[in-house]
Amino acid sequence: MSKTINWGVIGIGKVCELKSVPAYQKTEGFCVKAVMGRNISKAEDFAKRHKIDLFFDDAEVLINHPEIDAVYIATPPDSHLYYAKMVAEVGKICCVEKPMAVNYEEAQQMNQLFKAKNIPLFVSYYRRSLPRFEQVKSWLDNGAIGSIRQINWTLTKTPNPLTDIKGAMNWRTDATIAPGGYFDDLASHGLNLFQFLLGDIVGAKGFAINQQGNYTAKDAVSATWKHENGALGVGIWNFGSWKREDKVEITGENGTISFAVFEEVPLKLVTREGVKEIFVDNPENIQLFHTKNMQKQLSGNDFIHPSSGETALKTAWFMESILFDD
C-alpha cells in the first residue's frame, strides 16, 4: 500500500493517550482519522486534544466509514472478538490490543476470520519490536551464552488500594473479562516475548489461585513450560505482594542474560569473559516501533511484523494451558 493508511481507533482509554495513538501519528504513512468512545463528549475531547478529525460513539459507524482503512481495537479483551468480527466483515486491516481475547477459543475465531480473507491482523505485543529486546534476541541468536538451558521470570506487585482492595472498576480484576486477572494483562507481554526470543512453547503446566480474596480473578500464578528447542521455563506471578519485582534470567551453557520485562533497567550479559551491561531506552510512545513495523509490512517490502494474529494465538494457548491446567 503506497497511500496513507487512515486508522480508526475504538476505545479512548489510558493506553491510547501516550502509548499508542501518538505512536500511530508519528508513523510515516499512517493517519489517525477517527476515534470512538461510548461517551461522545469524551470522544470529542480526545479527538480535539490529539488533533483527530472525526469522533463517534458508535463503533459500527467508525468501522464502516469510507475514509477508514484500518481499525485499532483498544478496548478490554471481552469486546475484542465482537469488534474484530465487524472489521473482518468489511475487509479492513486490524490491530487489536493484548491480550488478544478472553480465551484461546475466541483468539482462534479471530485469527481465522482474518486468515480466511487474507487481511493483516496485528496484536499489540509491542515488546517484540522494541530495540532493548531486539538486543537480547541478538545475543541469543549469536550464541553469546551458547545453548539455552532455562528461563526464569518473577513478577510481583503490590495491590492497588483503589481497584484491588476497595473494588473500583478495573477489568483486570473481573474474572468474566480477565480470568487470570493481572496475569492476563501483564504476564501475557512477557510470555509472548519469551516465544519471540526462544521459540514456540510445546508444553506448559501451572497453578492459578486467588490468595487475597479481594476480587473475582486469579491473583497468584505459577508455571513451568518447555520451548521447542528444549529450554525449560519457570515463572511466578503474584499481584498481592509486599513489593514490586520484575526479573528475568536466561541461562545458557556459557552464561546468563538478565533483564526486566517492564522495568527500564540495564540488560546484563554475564559470561566467563566478564560482565557486559547495556541500557537501551524505550521510546516516549512505547508502541512506536510496533506501529512502524506495521507500516513496514503494509508498504509491501516483504517484511513480516513479529506480532501477528498467528503469534498471539500461540500465546493465548500458552496462557490457557497455565491457567486451567489444574
C-alpha atoms as a PDB file:
ATOM      1  CA  MET A   1       0.000   0.000   0.000  1.00  0.00           C
ATOM      2  CA  SER A   2       1.567   3.261  -1.120  1.00  0.00           C
ATOM      3  CA  LYS A   3      -1.159   5.640   0.062  1.00  0.00           C
ATOM      4  CA  THR A   4      -1.589   6.945   3.579  1.00  0.00           C
ATOM      5  CA  ILE A   5      -3.480   4.459   5.747  1.00  0.00           C
ATOM      6  CA  ASN A   6      -6.277   6.094   7.734  1.00  0.00           C
ATOM      7  CA  TRP A   7      -6.804   4.445  11.110  1.00  0.00           C
ATOM      8  CA  GLY A   8      -9.912   4.461  13.246  1.00  0.00           C
ATOM      9  CA  VAL A   9      -9.456   3.822  16.971  1.00  0.00           C
ATOM     10  CA  ILE A  10     -12.080   2.047  19.080  1.00  0.00           C
ATOM     11  CA  GLY A  11     -11.504   2.933  22.718  1.00  0.00           C
ATOM     12  CA  ILE A  12     -10.007   6.071  24.239  1.00  0.00           C
ATOM     13  CA  GLY A  13      -8.586   4.705  27.478  1.00  0.00           C
ATOM     14  CA  LYS A  14      -5.252   5.268  29.159  1.00  0.00           C
ATOM     15  CA  VAL A  15      -3.272   3.136  26.689  1.00  0.00           C
ATOM     16  CA  CYS A  16      -4.290   5.471  23.858  1.00  0.00           C
ATOM     17  CA  GLU A  17      -3.163   8.709  25.487  1.00  0.00           C
ATOM     18  CA  LEU A  18       0.602   8.194  25.326  1.00  0.00           C
ATOM     19  CA  LYS A  19       1.458   4.616  24.465  1.00  0.00           C
ATOM     20  CA  SER A  20      -0.360   4.044  21.183  1.00  0.00           C
ATOM     21  CA  VAL A  21      -2.264   6.845  19.413  1.00  0.00           C
ATOM     22  CA  PRO A  22       0.728   9.260  19.352  1.00  0.00           C
ATOM     23  CA  ALA A  23       2.845   6.377  18.029  1.00  0.00           C
ATOM     24  CA  TYR A  24       0.423   5.872  15.130  1.00  0.00           C
ATOM     25  CA  GLN A  25       0.515   9.609  14.467  1.00  0.00           C
ATOM     26  CA  LYS A  26       4.322   9.644  14.401  1.00  0.00           C
ATOM     27  CA  THR A  27       4.498   6.752  11.906  1.00  0.00           C
ATOM     28  CA  GLU A  28       5.033   7.899   8.331  1.00  0.00           C
ATOM     29  CA  GLY A  29       2.211   6.673   6.115  1.00  0.00           C
ATOM     30  CA  PHE A  30      -0.282   6.416   8.996  1.00  0.00           C
ATOM     31  CA  CYS A  31      -3.020   8.880   9.926  1.00  0.00           C
ATOM     32  CA  VAL A  32      -5.349   8.552  12.912  1.00  0.00           C
ATOM     33  CA  LYS A  33      -8.519   9.771  11.226  1.00  0.00           C
ATOM     34  CA  ALA A  34     -11.198   8.894  13.780  1.00  0.00           C
ATOM     35  CA  VAL A  35     -11.767   7.730  17.350  1.00  0.00           C
ATOM     36  CA  MET A  36     -14.748   6.129  19.062  1.00  0.00           C
ATOM     37  CA  GLY A  37     -15.755   6.206  22.712  1.00  0.00           C
ATOM     38  CA  ARG A  38     -19.028   5.261  24.365  1.00  0.00           C
ATOM     39  CA  ASN A  39     -19.272   8.785  25.779  1.00  0.00           C
ATOM     40  CA  ILE A  40     -19.448  11.223  22.859  1.00  0.00           C
ATOM     41  CA  SER A  41     -18.197  14.151  24.954  1.00  0.00           C
ATOM     42  CA  LYS A  42     -15.092  12.219  25.986  1.00  0.00           C
ATOM     43  CA  ALA A  43     -14.554  11.077  22.394  1.00  0.00           C
ATOM     44  CA  GLU A  44     -14.758  14.693  21.207  1.00  0.00           C
ATOM     45  CA  ASP A  45     -12.344  15.819  23.907  1.00  0.00           C
ATOM     46  CA  PHE A  46      -9.852  13.091  22.999  1.00  0.00           C
ATOM     47  CA  ALA A  47     -10.113  13.937  19.299  1.00  0.00           C
ATOM     48  CA  LYS A  48      -9.541  17.647  19.884  1.00  0.00           C
ATOM     49  CA  ARG A  49      -6.568  17.108  22.190  1.00  0.00           C
ATOM     50  CA  HIS A  50      -4.903  14.741  19.718  1.00  0.00           C
ATOM     51  CA  LYS A  51      -5.920  16.745  16.606  1.00  0.00           C
ATOM     52  CA  ILE A  52      -8.050  13.942  15.132  1.00  0.00           C
ATOM     53  CA  ASP A  53     -10.702  14.858  12.544  1.00  0.00           C
ATOM     54  CA  LEU A  54     -13.578  12.528  13.382  1.00  0.00           C
ATOM     55  CA  PHE A  55     -15.121  11.166  16.573  1.00  0.00           C
ATOM     56  CA  PHE A  56     -18.046   8.819  17.181  1.00  0.00           C
ATOM     57  CA  ASP A  57     -19.891   6.982  19.943  1.00  0.00           C
ATOM     58  CA  ASP A  58     -20.785   4.083  17.628  1.00  0.00           C
ATOM     59  CA  ALA A  59     -18.066   1.588  16.656  1.00  0.00           C
ATOM     60  CA  GLU A  60     -20.007   0.284  13.667  1.00  0.00           C
ATOM     61  CA  VAL A  61     -20.158   3.782  12.162  1.00  0.00           C
ATOM     62  CA  LEU A  62     -16.395   4.152  12.545  1.00  0.00           C
ATOM     63  CA  ILE A  63     -15.652   0.710  11.113  1.00  0.00           C
ATOM     64  CA  ASN A  64     -17.850   1.282   8.065  1.00  0.00           C
ATOM     65  CA  HIS A  65     -16.759   4.862   7.435  1.00  0.00           C
ATOM     66  CA  PRO A  66     -15.455   5.173   3.844  1.00  0.00           C
ATOM     67  CA  GLU A  67     -12.363   7.138   4.906  1.00  0.00           C
ATOM     68  CA  ILE A  68     -11.195   4.465   7.369  1.00  0.00           C
ATOM     69  CA  ASP A  69      -8.753   1.855   6.000  1.00  0.00           C
ATOM     70  CA  ALA A  70      -7.724   0.146   9.237  1.00  0.00           C
ATOM     71  CA  VAL A  71      -9.026  -0.226  12.787  1.00  0.00           C
ATOM     72  CA  TYR A  72      -7.153  -0.345  16.088  1.00  0.00           C
ATOM     73  CA  ILE A  73      -9.214  -2.022  18.837  1.00  0.00           C
ATOM     74  CA  ALA A  74      -8.106  -0.612  22.195  1.00  0.00           C
ATOM     75  CA  THR A  75     -10.874  -1.864  24.468  1.00  0.00           C
ATOM     76  CA  PRO A  76     -10.834  -4.502  27.251  1.00  0.00           C
ATOM     77  CA  PRO A  77     -10.408  -8.059  25.894  1.00  0.00           C
ATOM     78  CA  ASP A  78     -14.027  -9.166  26.324  1.00  0.00           C
ATOM     79  CA  SER A  79     -15.040  -6.964  23.359  1.00  0.00           C
ATOM     80  CA  HIS A  80     -12.100  -7.697  21.051  1.00  0.00           C
ATOM     81  CA  LEU A  81     -13.747 -10.512  19.112  1.00  0.00           C
ATOM     82  CA  TYR A  82     -17.032  -8.601  18.787  1.00  0.00           C
ATOM     83  CA  TYR A  83     -15.353  -5.625  17.136  1.00  0.00           C
ATOM     84  CA  ALA A  84     -12.865  -7.740  15.172  1.00  0.00           C
ATOM     85  CA  LYS A  85     -15.725  -9.606  13.508  1.00  0.00           C
ATOM     86  CA  MET A  86     -17.112  -6.325  12.189  1.00  0.00           C
ATOM     87  CA  VAL A  87     -13.689  -5.215  10.951  1.00  0.00           C
ATOM     88  CA  ALA A  88     -13.079  -8.512   9.167  1.00  0.00           C
ATOM     89  CA  GLU A  89     -16.557  -8.431   7.629  1.00  0.00           C
ATOM     90  CA  VAL A  90     -15.813  -5.148   5.830  1.00  0.00           C
ATOM     91  CA  GLY A  91     -12.325  -6.327   4.871  1.00  0.00           C
ATOM     92  CA  LYS A  92     -10.184  -3.786   6.704  1.00  0.00           C
ATOM     93  CA  ILE A  93      -6.771  -4.093   8.341  1.00  0.00           C
ATOM     94  CA  CYS A  94      -6.908  -4.604  12.103  1.00  0.00           C
ATOM     95  CA  CYS A  95      -4.707  -4.267  15.155  1.00  0.00           C
ATOM     96  CA  VAL A  96      -6.097  -5.477  18.472  1.00  0.00           C
ATOM     97  CA  GLU A  97      -4.744  -4.738  21.930  1.00  0.00           C
ATOM     98  CA  LYS A  98      -3.358  -7.555  24.048  1.00  0.00           C
ATOM     99  CA  PRO A  99      -4.361  -9.949  25.404  1.00  0.00           C
ATOM    100  CA  MET A 100      -5.802 -10.969  22.060  1.00  0.00           C
ATOM    101  CA  ALA A 101      -9.098 -12.248  23.509  1.00  0.00           C
ATOM    102  CA  VAL A 102     -10.689 -13.569  26.709  1.00  0.00           C
ATOM    103  CA  ASN A 103      -9.652 -17.136  25.904  1.00  0.00           C
ATOM    104  CA  TYR A 104      -7.952 -19.351  23.323  1.00  0.00           C
ATOM    105  CA  GLU A 105     -11.217 -20.256  21.583  1.00  0.00           C
ATOM    106  CA  GLU A 106     -12.032 -16.615  20.887  1.00  0.00           C
ATOM    107  CA  ALA A 107      -8.466 -15.970  19.750  1.00  0.00           C
ATOM    108  CA  GLN A 108      -8.783 -18.864  17.283  1.00  0.00           C
ATOM    109  CA  GLN A 109     -12.011 -17.455  15.893  1.00  0.00           C
ATOM    110  CA  MET A 110     -10.482 -14.012  15.469  1.00  0.00           C
ATOM    111  CA  ASN A 111      -7.354 -15.269  13.756  1.00  0.00           C
ATOM    112  CA  GLN A 112      -9.355 -17.446  11.380  1.00  0.00           C
ATOM    113  CA  LEU A 113     -11.622 -14.542  10.366  1.00  0.00           C
ATOM    114  CA  PHE A 114      -8.692 -12.536   9.027  1.00  0.00           C
ATOM    115  CA  LYS A 115      -6.760 -15.515   7.718  1.00  0.00           C
ATOM    116  CA  ALA A 116      -9.758 -16.606   5.613  1.00  0.00           C
ATOM    117  CA  LYS A 117      -9.905 -13.173   3.985  1.00  0.00           C
ATOM    118  CA  ASN A 118      -6.129 -12.748   3.718  1.00  0.00           C
ATOM    119  CA  ILE A 119      -6.328  -9.479   5.682  1.00  0.00           C
ATOM    120  CA  PRO A 120      -3.497  -8.461   8.058  1.00  0.00           C
ATOM    121  CA  LEU A 121      -4.245  -8.893  11.768  1.00  0.00           C
ATOM    122  CA  PHE A 122      -1.740  -7.430  14.210  1.00  0.00           C
ATOM    123  CA  VAL A 123      -1.735  -7.703  18.008  1.00  0.00           C
ATOM    124  CA  SER A 124      -0.142  -5.081  20.270  1.00  0.00           C
ATOM    125  CA  TYR A 125       2.558  -7.263  21.773  1.00  0.00           C
ATOM    126  CA  TYR A 126       4.878  -4.366  21.055  1.00  0.00           C
ATOM    127  CA  ARG A 127       7.835  -5.645  23.087  1.00  0.00           C
ATOM    128  CA  ARG A 128       8.786  -7.846  20.136  1.00  0.00           C
ATOM    129  CA  SER A 129       9.612  -4.627  18.251  1.00  0.00           C
ATOM    130  CA  LEU A 130      11.450  -2.734  20.998  1.00  0.00           C
ATOM    131  CA  PRO A 131      15.211  -2.231  20.449  1.00  0.00           C
ATOM    132  CA  ARG A 132      16.037  -3.376  24.014  1.00  0.00           C
ATOM    133  CA  PHE A 133      14.583  -6.819  23.354  1.00  0.00           C
ATOM    134  CA  GLU A 134      15.998  -6.969  19.838  1.00  0.00           C
ATOM    135  CA  GLN A 135      19.373  -6.648  21.598  1.00  0.00           C
ATOM    136  CA  VAL A 136      18.540  -9.622  23.838  1.00  0.00           C
ATOM    137  CA  LYS A 137      17.499 -11.631  20.784  1.00  0.00           C
ATOM    138  CA  SER A 138      20.729 -10.661  19.011  1.00  0.00           C
ATOM    139  CA  TRP A 139      22.781 -12.003  21.929  1.00  0.00           C
ATOM    140  CA  LEU A 140      20.823 -15.246  21.893  1.00  0.00           C
ATOM    141  CA  ASP A 141      20.898 -15.704  18.114  1.00  0.00           C
ATOM    142  CA  ASN A 142      24.629 -15.007  18.007  1.00  0.00           C
ATOM    143  CA  GLY A 143      25.340 -17.637  20.664  1.00  0.00           C
ATOM    144  CA  ALA A 144      26.529 -15.238  23.359  1.00  0.00           C
ATOM    145  CA  ILE A 145      25.575 -17.728  26.097  1.00  0.00           C
ATOM    146  CA  GLY A 146      25.589 -20.878  23.997  1.00  0.00           C
ATOM    147  CA  SER A 147      22.805 -23.444  24.016  1.00  0.00           C
ATOM    148  CA  ILE A 148      19.870 -22.269  26.147  1.00  0.00           C
ATOM    149  CA  ARG A 149      19.106 -24.301  29.242  1.00  0.00           C
ATOM    150  CA  GLN A 150      16.352 -22.395  31.059  1.00  0.00           C
ATOM    151  CA  ILE A 151      14.460 -19.145  31.572  1.00  0.00           C
ATOM    152  CA  ASN A 152      13.077 -17.851  34.879  1.00  0.00           C
ATOM    153  CA  TRP A 153      10.718 -14.917  35.449  1.00  0.00           C
ATOM    154  CA  THR A 154       9.492 -13.472  38.726  1.00  0.00           C
ATOM    155  CA  LEU A 155       6.892 -10.694  38.568  1.00  0.00           C
ATOM    156  CA  THR A 156       5.229  -9.315  41.680  1.00  0.00           C
ATOM    157  CA  LYS A 157       3.383  -6.123  42.524  1.00  0.00           C
ATOM    158  CA  THR A 158       1.588  -4.581  45.462  1.00  0.00           C
ATOM    159  CA  PRO A 159      -2.215  -4.449  45.341  1.00  0.00           C
ATOM    160  CA  ASN A 160      -3.788  -1.243  44.064  1.00  0.00           C
ATOM    161  CA  PRO A 161      -5.591   0.342  47.058  1.00  0.00           C
ATOM    162  CA  LEU A 162      -8.437   1.706  44.929  1.00  0.00           C
ATOM    163  CA  THR A 163      -9.197  -1.050  42.416  1.00  0.00           C
ATOM    164  CA  ASP A 164      -7.819  -4.175  44.095  1.00  0.00           C
ATOM    165  CA  ILE A 165      -8.850  -3.506  47.686  1.00  0.00           C
ATOM    166  CA  LYS A 166     -11.756  -1.050  47.537  1.00  0.00           C
ATOM    167  CA  GLY A 167     -13.277  -2.603  44.412  1.00  0.00           C
ATOM    168  CA  ALA A 168     -13.267   0.322  41.974  1.00  0.00           C
ATOM    169  CA  MET A 169     -13.931  -0.721  38.371  1.00  0.00           C
ATOM    170  CA  ASN A 170     -10.958  -2.467  36.749  1.00  0.00           C
ATOM    171  CA  TRP A 171     -11.330  -5.067  34.005  1.00  0.00           C
ATOM    172  CA  ARG A 172      -8.113  -6.735  35.205  1.00  0.00           C
ATOM    173  CA  THR A 173      -9.801  -7.914  38.395  1.00  0.00           C
ATOM    174  CA  ASP A 174     -13.029  -9.148  36.786  1.00  0.00           C
ATOM    175  CA  ALA A 175     -12.921 -12.899  36.083  1.00  0.00           C
ATOM    176  CA  THR A 176     -15.529 -12.571  33.306  1.00  0.00           C
ATOM    177  CA  ILE A 177     -13.156 -10.310  31.359  1.00  0.00           C
ATOM    178  CA  ALA A 178      -9.720 -11.481  32.563  1.00  0.00           C
ATOM    179  CA  PRO A 179      -9.892 -14.902  34.268  1.00  0.00           C
ATOM    180  CA  GLY A 180      -6.216 -14.655  35.178  1.00  0.00           C
ATOM    181  CA  GLY A 181      -6.509 -11.086  36.444  1.00  0.00           C
ATOM    182  CA  TYR A 182      -3.312  -9.081  36.122  1.00  0.00           C
ATOM    183  CA  PHE A 183      -1.687 -12.234  34.751  1.00  0.00           C
ATOM    184  CA  ASP A 184      -3.767 -11.804  31.593  1.00  0.00           C
ATOM    185  CA  ASP A 185      -2.794  -8.162  31.226  1.00  0.00           C
ATOM    186  CA  LEU A 186       0.840  -8.170  32.351  1.00  0.00           C
ATOM    187  CA  ALA A 187       2.228 -11.698  32.124  1.00  0.00           C
ATOM    188  CA  SER A 188       0.940 -12.020  28.558  1.00  0.00           C
ATOM    189  CA  HIS A 189       3.555  -9.442  27.494  1.00  0.00           C
ATOM    190  CA  GLY A 190       6.434 -11.495  28.882  1.00  0.00           C
ATOM    191  CA  LEU A 191       5.184 -14.896  27.775  1.00  0.00           C
ATOM    192  CA  ASN A 192       4.708 -13.606  24.241  1.00  0.00           C
ATOM    193  CA  LEU A 193       8.183 -12.076  24.341  1.00  0.00           C
ATOM    194  CA  PHE A 194       9.748 -15.354  25.508  1.00  0.00           C
ATOM    195  CA  GLN A 195       8.274 -17.140  22.499  1.00  0.00           C
ATOM    196  CA  PHE A 196       9.855 -14.477  20.299  1.00  0.00           C
ATOM    197  CA  LEU A 197      13.239 -14.864  21.991  1.00  0.00           C
ATOM    198  CA  LEU A 198      13.418 -18.648  22.462  1.00  0.00           C
ATOM    199  CA  GLY A 199      10.883 -20.152  20.066  1.00  0.00           C
ATOM    200  CA  ASP A 200       7.470 -21.720  20.437  1.00  0.00           C
ATOM    201  CA  ILE A 201       6.212 -23.444  23.572  1.00  0.00           C
ATOM    202  CA  VAL A 202       5.430 -27.151  23.208  1.00  0.00           C
ATOM    203  CA  GLY A 203       4.109 -27.832  26.703  1.00  0.00           C
ATOM    204  CA  ALA A 204       3.007 -25.894  29.774  1.00  0.00           C
ATOM    205  CA  LYS A 205       1.559 -26.581  33.227  1.00  0.00           C
ATOM    206  CA  GLY A 206       0.526 -24.273  36.013  1.00  0.00           C
ATOM    207  CA  PHE A 207      -1.477 -23.365  39.079  1.00  0.00           C
ATOM    208  CA  ALA A 208      -3.660 -20.261  39.352  1.00  0.00           C
ATOM    209  CA  ILE A 209      -5.382 -19.274  42.592  1.00  0.00           C
ATOM    210  CA  ASN A 210      -6.886 -16.318  44.409  1.00  0.00           C
ATOM    211  CA  GLN A 211      -4.870 -15.685  47.577  1.00  0.00           C
ATOM    212  CA  GLN A 212      -6.176 -12.260  48.588  1.00  0.00           C
ATOM    213  CA  GLY A 213      -9.901 -12.704  48.088  1.00  0.00           C
ATOM    214  CA  ASN A 214     -10.214  -9.070  47.046  1.00  0.00           C
ATOM    215  CA  TYR A 215     -11.694  -9.701  43.600  1.00  0.00           C
ATOM    216  CA  THR A 216     -13.004 -12.494  41.364  1.00  0.00           C
ATOM    217  CA  ALA A 217      -9.993 -13.004  39.090  1.00  0.00           C
ATOM    218  CA  LYS A 218      -6.868 -15.005  39.989  1.00  0.00           C
ATOM    219  CA  ASP A 219      -4.102 -13.090  41.720  1.00  0.00           C
ATOM    220  CA  ALA A 220      -1.293 -15.666  42.047  1.00  0.00           C
ATOM    221  CA  VAL A 221       0.049 -17.944  39.321  1.00  0.00           C
ATOM    222  CA  SER A 222       2.990 -20.327  38.959  1.00  0.00           C
ATOM    223  CA  ALA A 223       4.016 -22.266  35.865  1.00  0.00           C
ATOM    224  CA  THR A 224       6.567 -24.445  34.145  1.00  0.00           C
ATOM    225  CA  TRP A 225       6.946 -24.865  30.394  1.00  0.00           C
ATOM    226  CA  LYS A 226       9.167 -26.222  27.622  1.00  0.00           C
ATOM    227  CA  HIS A 227      10.302 -24.483  24.441  1.00  0.00           C
ATOM    228  CA  GLU A 228      10.697 -26.327  21.163  1.00  0.00           C
ATOM    229  CA  ASN A 229      14.498 -26.011  21.480  1.00  0.00           C
ATOM    230  CA  GLY A 230      14.430 -27.947  24.766  1.00  0.00           C
ATOM    231  CA  ALA A 231      14.846 -24.938  27.071  1.00  0.00           C
ATOM    232  CA  LEU A 232      12.751 -25.123  30.231  1.00  0.00           C
ATOM    233  CA  GLY A 233      10.869 -22.213  31.756  1.00  0.00           C
ATOM    234  CA  VAL A 234       9.683 -21.334  35.260  1.00  0.00           C
ATOM    235  CA  GLY A 235       7.505 -18.378  36.208  1.00  0.00           C
ATOM    236  CA  ILE A 236       5.909 -16.974  39.345  1.00  0.00           C
ATOM    237  CA  TRP A 237       3.479 -14.061  39.328  1.00  0.00           C
ATOM    238  CA  ASN A 238       1.932 -12.598  42.458  1.00  0.00           C
ATOM    239  CA  PHE A 239      -0.218  -9.467  42.378  1.00  0.00           C
ATOM    240  CA  GLY A 240      -0.701  -9.088  46.122  1.00  0.00           C
ATOM    241  CA  SER A 241       2.926  -8.943  47.189  1.00  0.00           C
ATOM    242  CA  TRP A 242       4.610  -6.544  49.616  1.00  0.00           C
ATOM    243  CA  LYS A 243       6.926  -5.215  46.872  1.00  0.00           C
ATOM    244  CA  ARG A 244       7.305  -4.858  43.126  1.00  0.00           C
ATOM    245  CA  GLU A 245       9.792  -7.146  41.393  1.00  0.00           C
ATOM    246  CA  ASP A 246      10.409  -7.867  37.726  1.00  0.00           C
ATOM    247  CA  LYS A 247      13.368 -10.109  36.928  1.00  0.00           C
ATOM    248  CA  VAL A 248      14.078 -12.427  34.007  1.00  0.00           C
ATOM    249  CA  GLU A 249      17.159 -14.622  33.733  1.00  0.00           C
ATOM    250  CA  ILE A 250      18.019 -16.753  30.723  1.00  0.00           C
ATOM    251  CA  THR A 251      20.691 -19.365  31.450  1.00  0.00           C
ATOM    252  CA  GLY A 252      22.800 -20.956  28.750  1.00  0.00           C
ATOM    253  CA  GLU A 253      25.710 -23.343  28.703  1.00  0.00           C
ATOM    254  CA  ASN A 254      28.165 -20.429  28.719  1.00  0.00           C
ATOM    255  CA  GLY A 255      26.474 -17.655  30.685  1.00  0.00           C
ATOM    256  CA  THR A 256      23.323 -15.752  31.568  1.00  0.00           C
ATOM    257  CA  ILE A 257      21.289 -12.839  30.230  1.00  0.00           C
ATOM    258  CA  SER A 258      19.134 -10.916  32.684  1.00  0.00           C
ATOM    259  CA  PHE A 259      16.607  -8.130  32.134  1.00  0.00           C
ATOM    260  CA  ALA A 260      13.157  -6.903  33.159  1.00  0.00           C
ATOM    261  CA  VAL A 261      10.028  -7.104  31.043  1.00  0.00           C
ATOM    262  CA  PHE A 262       8.538  -3.831  32.309  1.00  0.00           C
ATOM    263  CA  GLU A 263      11.177  -2.006  34.344  1.00  0.00           C
ATOM    264  CA  GLU A 264      13.692   0.033  32.371  1.00  0.00           C
ATOM    265  CA  VAL A 265      16.860  -1.476  33.788  1.00  0.00           C
ATOM    266  CA  PRO A 266      20.126  -2.377  32.044  1.00  0.00           C
ATOM    267  CA  LEU A 267      20.394  -5.578  30.027  1.00  0.00           C
ATOM    268  CA  LYS A 268      23.110  -7.743  31.583  1.00  0.00           C
ATOM    269  CA  LEU A 269      25.219 -10.389  29.845  1.00  0.00           C
ATOM    270  CA  VAL A 270      27.412 -12.499  32.124  1.00  0.00           C
ATOM    271  CA  THR A 271      29.919 -14.988  30.685  1.00  0.00           C
ATOM    272  CA  ARG A 272      33.322 -16.385  31.623  1.00  0.00           C
ATOM    273  CA  GLU A 273      34.816 -13.372  29.857  1.00  0.00           C
ATOM    274  CA  GLY A 274      33.123 -10.944  32.239  1.00  0.00           C
ATOM    275  CA  VAL A 275      30.019  -8.787  32.643  1.00  0.00           C
ATOM    276  CA  LYS A 276      28.534  -6.549  29.977  1.00  0.00           C
ATOM    277  CA  GLU A 277      25.697  -4.127  30.710  1.00  0.00           C
ATOM    278  CA  ILE A 278      23.759  -2.170  28.105  1.00  0.00           C
ATOM    279  CA  PHE A 279      20.996   0.341  28.725  1.00  0.00           C
ATOM    280  CA  VAL A 280      18.589   0.744  25.815  1.00  0.00           C
ATOM    281  CA  ASP A 281      15.991   3.482  26.156  1.00  0.00           C
ATOM    282  CA  ASN A 282      12.364   2.901  25.298  1.00  0.00           C
ATOM    283  CA  PRO A 283      10.683   5.478  23.052  1.00  0.00           C
ATOM    284  CA  GLU A 284       8.415   8.097  24.622  1.00  0.00           C
ATOM    285  CA  ASN A 285       5.467   6.386  22.929  1.00  0.00           C
ATOM    286  CA  ILE A 286       6.147   2.740  23.740  1.00  0.00           C
ATOM    287  CA  GLN A 287       4.290   1.351  20.700  1.00  0.00           C
ATOM    288  CA  LEU A 288       6.271   3.426  18.187  1.00  0.00           C
ATOM    289  CA  PHE A 289       8.455   0.615  16.819  1.00  0.00           C
ATOM    290  CA  HIS A 290       5.406  -1.668  16.765  1.00  0.00           C
ATOM    291  CA  THR A 291       3.469   0.807  14.599  1.00  0.00           C
ATOM    292  CA  LYS A 292       6.473   1.471  12.383  1.00  0.00           C
ATOM    293  CA  ASN A 293       6.800  -2.266  11.795  1.00  0.00           C
ATOM    294  CA  MET A 294       3.116  -2.476  10.853  1.00  0.00           C
ATOM    295  CA  GLN A 295       3.679   0.245   8.262  1.00  0.00           C
ATOM    296  CA  LYS A 296       6.776  -1.568   7.063  1.00  0.00           C
ATOM    297  CA  GLN A 297       4.792  -4.738   6.376  1.00  0.00           C
ATOM    298  CA  LEU A 298       1.867  -2.895   4.828  1.00  0.00           C
ATOM    299  CA  SER A 299       4.178  -0.995   2.486  1.00  0.00           C
ATOM    300  CA  GLY A 300       4.799  -4.299   0.717  1.00  0.00           C
ATOM    301  CA  ASN A 301       8.570  -4.771   1.056  1.00  0.00           C
ATOM    302  CA  ASP A 302       8.415  -8.433   2.172  1.00  0.00           C
ATOM    303  CA  PHE A 303       8.806  -7.536   5.844  1.00  0.00           C
ATOM    304  CA  ILE A 304       6.742  -9.642   8.276  1.00  0.00           C
ATOM    305  CA  HIS A 305       5.657  -7.977  11.508  1.00  0.00           C
ATOM    306  CA  PRO A 306       6.819 -10.003  14.545  1.00  0.00           C
ATOM    307  CA  SER A 307       3.426  -9.720  16.299  1.00  0.00           C
ATOM    308  CA  SER A 308       0.595 -11.147  14.241  1.00  0.00           C
ATOM    309  CA  GLY A 309      -2.650 -12.944  14.942  1.00  0.00           C
ATOM    310  CA  GLU A 310      -0.760 -16.224  14.469  1.00  0.00           C
ATOM    311  CA  THR A 311       1.932 -15.469  17.053  1.00  0.00           C
ATOM    312  CA  ALA A 312      -0.579 -14.019  19.530  1.00  0.00           C
ATOM    313  CA  LEU A 313      -2.726 -17.134  19.138  1.00  0.00           C
ATOM    314  CA  LYS A 314       0.184 -19.233  20.378  1.00  0.00           C
ATOM    315  CA  THR A 315       0.421 -17.017  23.455  1.00  0.00           C
ATOM    316  CA  ALA A 316      -3.323 -17.418  24.084  1.00  0.00           C
ATOM    317  CA  TRP A 317      -2.871 -21.199  24.063  1.00  0.00           C
ATOM    318  CA  PHE A 318       0.185 -20.938  26.338  1.00  0.00           C
ATOM    319  CA  MET A 319      -1.662 -18.824  28.897  1.00  0.00           C
ATOM    320  CA  GLU A 320      -4.755 -21.016  28.881  1.00  0.00           C
ATOM    321  CA  SER A 321      -2.559 -24.093  29.412  1.00  0.00           C
ATOM    322  CA  ILE A 322      -1.176 -22.435  32.541  1.00  0.00           C
ATOM    323  CA  LEU A 323      -4.421 -21.051  33.954  1.00  0.00           C
ATOM    324  CA  PHE A 324      -6.547 -24.115  33.502  1.00  0.00           C
ATOM    325  CA  ASP A 325      -4.012 -26.927  33.899  1.00  0.00           C
ATOM    326  CA  ASP A 326      -5.329 -27.864  37.346  1.00  0.00           C
END
